C-alpha cells in the first residue's frame, strides 16, 4: 500500500464521509452567514468599509475553499456539504426571526 492510498480521503466509507462533509458544511455555512450578517451591519451603520471588504473576501474564500475540498471528495460529498450550508442558513434565519407560532 502506498502513501497516497493511505491518505486519500475519497477512500473513506460513505457512512463516515457524508456526515463529516455535512458537519463541515454546517461550519462553513455558519461562518459564511455570520460574516454576511456582520458585513450587512457594517454597511447599514456606516462602519469601516475596509473591514466590510475583508469580511466579504473572507467569506467568499471560505465558501470556495470548502466546496473545492468537497469536490475533490466526490459528488455525494459535495451534495452533503451543500446540505450542511443550507441547514446553517436555515438555523441562522430561524435564530434571527425567532420561533414561529
Protein backbone atom coordinates (compact mmCIF):
# COMPACT_ATOMS: atom_id res chain seq x y z
CA UNK A 1 0.00 0.00 0.00
CA UNK A 2 1.47 3.35 -0.98
CA UNK A 3 1.20 6.61 0.94
CA UNK A 4 -1.35 8.10 -1.50
CA UNK A 5 -3.84 5.31 -0.83
CA UNK A 6 -3.37 5.74 2.89
CA UNK A 7 -4.08 9.49 2.88
CA UNK A 8 -6.76 9.68 0.17
CA UNK A 9 -9.97 10.81 1.88
CA UNK A 10 -12.11 9.60 -1.02
CA UNK A 11 -11.41 6.02 0.07
CA UNK A 12 -13.31 6.54 3.33
CA UNK A 13 -16.64 4.71 3.56
CA UNK A 14 -19.70 6.80 2.74
CA UNK A 15 -21.18 6.41 6.22
CA UNK A 16 -18.12 8.29 7.53
CA UNK A 17 -17.54 10.68 4.64
CA UNK A 18 -21.06 12.08 4.26
CA UNK A 19 -21.63 13.09 7.92
CA UNK A 20 -18.17 14.66 8.04
CA UNK A 21 -18.93 16.67 4.89
CA UNK A 22 -22.33 17.66 6.28
CA UNK A 23 -20.77 18.89 9.52
CA UNK A 24 -18.09 20.70 7.54
CA UNK A 25 -20.85 22.36 5.53
CA UNK A 26 -22.55 23.45 8.75
CA UNK A 27 -19.32 25.05 9.97
CA UNK A 28 -18.66 26.71 6.60
CA UNK A 29 -22.25 27.92 6.34
CA UNK A 30 -22.26 29.29 9.87
CA UNK A 31 -19.05 31.20 9.21
CA UNK A 32 -20.33 32.46 5.87
CA UNK A 33 -23.70 33.70 7.10
CA UNK A 34 -22.24 35.12 10.30
CA UNK A 35 -19.77 37.16 8.22
CA UNK A 36 -22.60 38.18 5.88
CA UNK A 37 -24.62 39.44 8.84
CA UNK A 38 -21.65 41.39 10.17
CA UNK A 39 -20.98 42.87 6.70
CA UNK A 40 -24.60 44.00 6.38
CA UNK A 41 -24.46 45.54 9.86
CA UNK A 42 -21.28 47.44 8.94
CA UNK A 43 -22.81 48.78 5.74
CA UNK A 44 -26.07 49.85 7.38
CA UNK A 45 -24.43 51.51 10.38
CA UNK A 46 -21.70 53.18 8.35
CA UNK A 47 -18.84 51.14 9.74
CA UNK A 48 -15.34 50.67 8.37
CA UNK A 49 -15.58 49.86 4.62
CA UNK A 50 -12.22 48.06 4.61
CA UNK A 51 -13.48 45.68 7.27
CA UNK A 52 -16.61 45.04 5.20
CA UNK A 53 -14.47 44.28 2.14
CA UNK A 54 -12.22 41.99 4.17
CA UNK A 55 -15.24 40.12 5.56
CA UNK A 56 -16.68 39.75 2.06
CA UNK A 57 -13.45 38.38 0.64
CA UNK A 58 -13.03 36.10 3.65
CA UNK A 59 -16.49 34.60 3.47
CA UNK A 60 -16.30 34.03 -0.28
CA UNK A 61 -12.88 32.38 0.01
CA UNK A 62 -14.13 30.23 2.91
CA UNK A 63 -17.07 29.01 0.86
CA UNK A 64 -14.97 28.42 -2.27
CA UNK A 65 -12.30 26.51 -0.34
CA UNK A 66 -14.86 24.33 1.42
CA UNK A 67 -16.63 23.45 -1.80
CA UNK A 68 -13.33 22.82 -3.58
CA UNK A 69 -12.34 20.29 -0.92
CA UNK A 70 -15.78 18.68 -1.20
CA UNK A 71 -15.44 18.44 -4.99
CA UNK A 72 -12.18 16.56 -4.54
CA UNK A 73 -14.04 14.02 -2.40
CA UNK A 74 -16.78 13.38 -4.97
CA UNK A 75 -20.29 14.33 -5.94
CA UNK A 76 -22.05 12.93 -2.88
CA UNK A 77 -19.62 14.73 -0.61
CA UNK A 78 -20.35 17.97 -2.46
CA UNK A 79 -24.09 17.47 -2.01
CA UNK A 80 -23.64 16.71 1.69
CA UNK A 81 -21.56 19.88 2.10
CA UNK A 82 -24.20 21.93 0.28
CA UNK A 83 -26.89 20.45 2.52
CA UNK A 84 -24.85 21.50 5.55
CA UNK A 85 -24.50 25.05 4.24
CA UNK A 86 -28.23 25.27 3.57
CA UNK A 87 -29.04 23.93 7.04
CA UNK A 88 -26.72 26.53 8.55
CA UNK A 89 -28.62 29.20 6.62
CA UNK A 90 -31.91 27.86 7.95
CA UNK A 91 -30.53 27.83 11.52
CA UNK A 92 -29.25 31.41 11.23
CA UNK A 93 -32.56 32.66 9.80
CA UNK A 94 -34.53 30.85 12.46
CA UNK A 95 -32.34 32.37 15.17
CA UNK A 96 -32.91 35.88 13.81
CA UNK A 97 -36.67 35.55 13.28
CA UNK A 98 -37.38 33.59 16.44
CA UNK A 99 -39.74 30.64 16.73
CA UNK A 100 -42.85 30.80 14.54
CA UNK A 101 -46.16 30.34 16.34
